[in-house]
Amino acid sequence: RDMEAVMRLENWERRLGDYLDTRRGQDFAYGTNDCGMFAAGAVEAVTGVDPIPSFRGAYDSATTSIRALKRLGKGTLDATIDSLFDERPIGYGRRGDIVWNGESVGVCIGHEALFVGEIEGVSGLVSVPRSGWVKAWTVG
């Protein structure tokens, strides 16, 4: 796994909090503020390492994101995340880990995870309880 040896930075909690603050209220945008880029930015905040540098600038729509996952990843988003991080039981997901809700990846912040999305017409970060997760991966 590419991110296996990567460790969390000493000040990772502050860095993650600052990163999440910058993302609140930002609209969804393929290639810049979609679930994968949001989660990758959180991983970079926690570890100092971008887990998907080859994806940056590689897509800007649903169609080109699918092509990028096939060309640069493992074909699907969750398979690509599987190739980068070790899976952990959902119940052991901790703040800063990456989670999957069956459709997209988000960032664990405790008993909930944040995902890029929209609720009642307001774009930004959407909270999903642990019961809505299908998978979790260890970060650092």
Protein backbone atom coordinates (compact mmCIF):
# COMPACT_ATOMS: atom_id res chain seq x y z
CA ARG A 1 0.00 0.00 0.00
CA ASP A 2 1.40 3.38 -1.01
CA MET A 3 0.43 5.21 2.20
CA GLU A 4 1.28 2.39 4.64
CA ALA A 5 4.52 3.88 6.01
CA VAL A 6 3.19 7.45 6.20
CA MET A 7 2.79 8.78 9.73
CA ARG A 8 0.53 11.44 11.19
CA LEU A 9 2.22 14.76 11.83
CA GLU A 10 2.65 15.96 15.41
CA ASN A 11 0.19 18.83 14.87
CA TRP A 12 -2.22 16.82 12.69
CA GLU A 13 -5.37 17.64 14.69
CA ARG A 14 -4.94 21.40 14.28
CA ARG A 15 -3.99 20.98 10.63
CA LEU A 16 -7.08 18.83 9.98
CA GLY A 17 -9.34 21.30 11.77
CA ASP A 18 -7.91 24.19 9.75
CA TYR A 19 -8.36 22.24 6.51
CA LEU A 20 -11.98 21.38 7.31
CA ASP A 21 -12.67 25.03 8.12
CA THR A 22 -11.44 26.04 4.65
CA ARG A 23 -13.80 23.54 3.00
CA ARG A 24 -17.04 24.48 4.77
CA GLY A 25 -19.52 26.11 2.39
CA GLN A 26 -17.51 25.34 -0.75
CA ASP A 27 -19.54 24.01 -3.67
CA PHE A 28 -18.91 20.57 -5.13
CA ALA A 29 -16.64 20.71 -8.19
CA TYR A 30 -15.16 17.74 -10.04
CA GLY A 31 -11.38 17.69 -9.83
CA THR A 32 -11.08 20.36 -7.13
CA ASN A 33 -13.76 19.86 -4.46
CA ASP A 34 -15.26 16.42 -5.01
CA CYS A 35 -15.20 13.60 -2.48
CA GLY A 36 -11.83 12.23 -3.60
CA MET A 37 -10.04 15.56 -3.63
CA PHE A 38 -11.64 16.52 -0.31
CA ALA A 39 -10.49 13.27 1.33
CA ALA A 40 -7.02 13.54 -0.23
CA GLY A 41 -6.68 17.07 1.13
CA ALA A 42 -7.57 15.80 4.60
CA VAL A 43 -4.95 13.04 4.30
CA GLU A 44 -2.39 15.66 3.29
CA ALA A 45 -3.38 17.83 6.27
CA VAL A 46 -2.95 14.87 8.64
CA THR A 47 0.24 13.36 7.15
CA GLY A 48 1.83 16.03 4.96
CA VAL A 49 1.61 13.65 1.97
CA ASP A 50 -0.79 13.95 -0.98
CA PRO A 51 -2.00 10.38 -1.64
CA ILE A 52 -3.18 11.07 -5.21
CA PRO A 53 -0.92 13.65 -6.88
CA SER A 54 -1.42 12.07 -10.33
CA PHE A 55 -5.17 12.79 -10.15
CA ARG A 56 -4.71 16.56 -9.68
CA GLY A 57 -5.71 18.30 -12.88
CA ALA A 58 -6.58 14.95 -14.51
CA TYR A 59 -10.38 15.38 -14.61
CA ASP A 60 -13.13 18.00 -14.42
CA SER A 61 -16.41 16.12 -14.91
CA ALA A 62 -18.16 12.88 -13.98
CA THR A 63 -17.09 11.32 -17.28
CA THR A 64 -13.43 12.33 -17.03
CA SER A 65 -13.31 11.27 -13.35
CA ILE A 66 -14.37 7.75 -14.37
CA ARG A 67 -11.68 7.76 -17.05
CA ALA A 68 -9.07 8.97 -14.55
CA LEU A 69 -9.99 6.20 -12.09
CA LYS A 70 -9.51 3.64 -14.85
CA ARG A 71 -6.28 5.21 -16.17
CA LEU A 72 -4.60 6.32 -12.93
CA GLY A 73 -6.33 4.27 -10.26
CA LYS A 74 -7.74 0.80 -9.84
CA GLY A 75 -10.91 1.31 -11.87
CA THR A 76 -13.27 2.49 -9.13
CA LEU A 77 -12.96 4.98 -6.31
CA ASP A 78 -13.20 2.46 -3.48
CA ALA A 79 -10.75 0.06 -5.21
CA THR A 80 -8.33 2.95 -5.65
CA ILE A 81 -8.60 3.87 -1.95
CA ASP A 82 -8.16 0.15 -1.09
CA SER A 83 -4.87 0.20 -3.02
CA LEU A 84 -3.57 3.17 -1.01
CA PHE A 85 -4.73 2.52 2.56
CA ASP A 86 -5.30 -0.40 4.89
CA GLU A 87 -8.94 -1.09 5.67
CA ARG A 88 -9.98 -1.03 9.31
CA PRO A 89 -13.24 -2.03 11.01
CA ILE A 90 -15.80 0.78 10.84
CA GLY A 91 -16.11 0.75 14.63
CA TYR A 92 -12.40 1.61 14.91
CA GLY A 93 -12.46 4.51 12.48
CA ARG A 94 -10.80 7.49 14.15
CA ARG A 95 -10.61 11.19 13.49
CA GLY A 96 -8.69 11.79 10.26
CA ASP A 97 -9.36 8.34 8.76
CA ILE A 98 -11.09 7.95 5.38
CA VAL A 99 -14.55 6.35 5.18
CA TRP A 100 -16.86 5.12 2.41
CA ASN A 101 -20.64 5.45 2.45
CA GLY A 102 -21.21 3.27 -0.61
CA GLU A 103 -21.06 6.20 -3.04
CA SER A 104 -18.28 8.53 -1.96
CA VAL A 105 -15.39 8.98 0.45
CA GLY A 106 -15.41 11.23 3.47
CA VAL A 107 -13.32 12.09 6.49
CA CYS A 108 -13.98 10.65 9.93
CA ILE A 109 -14.32 13.32 12.62
CA GLY A 110 -15.40 10.97 15.43
CA HIS A 111 -18.82 9.32 15.45
CA GLU A 112 -19.59 11.13 12.19
CA ALA A 113 -17.80 11.73 8.92
CA LEU A 114 -17.82 14.77 6.67
CA PHE A 115 -18.53 14.43 2.96
CA VAL A 116 -18.70 17.03 0.20
CA GLY A 117 -22.36 17.41 -0.68
CA GLU A 118 -25.55 19.36 -0.49
CA ILE A 119 -28.41 19.41 2.02
CA GLU A 120 -31.57 21.42 1.45
CA GLY A 121 -29.91 23.47 -1.29
CA VAL A 122 -26.84 24.39 0.77
CA SER A 123 -23.51 23.10 -0.56
CA GLY A 124 -20.56 22.27 1.60
CA LEU A 125 -19.70 19.59 4.08
CA VAL A 126 -22.39 17.08 4.97
CA SER A 127 -22.25 14.99 8.13
CA VAL A 128 -22.96 11.23 7.93
CA PRO A 129 -23.20 9.13 11.11
CA ARG A 130 -21.05 6.02 11.55
CA SER A 131 -24.13 3.88 10.85
CA GLY A 132 -24.05 5.21 7.28
CA TRP A 133 -20.51 4.05 6.56
CA VAL A 134 -19.72 0.91 4.60
CA LYS A 135 -15.91 0.94 4.94
CA ALA A 136 -13.11 2.73 6.76
CA TRP A 137 -9.39 3.05 6.03
CA THR A 138 -6.50 3.91 8.33
CA VAL A 139 -4.67 7.17 7.68
CA GLY A 140 -1.22 7.35 9.26
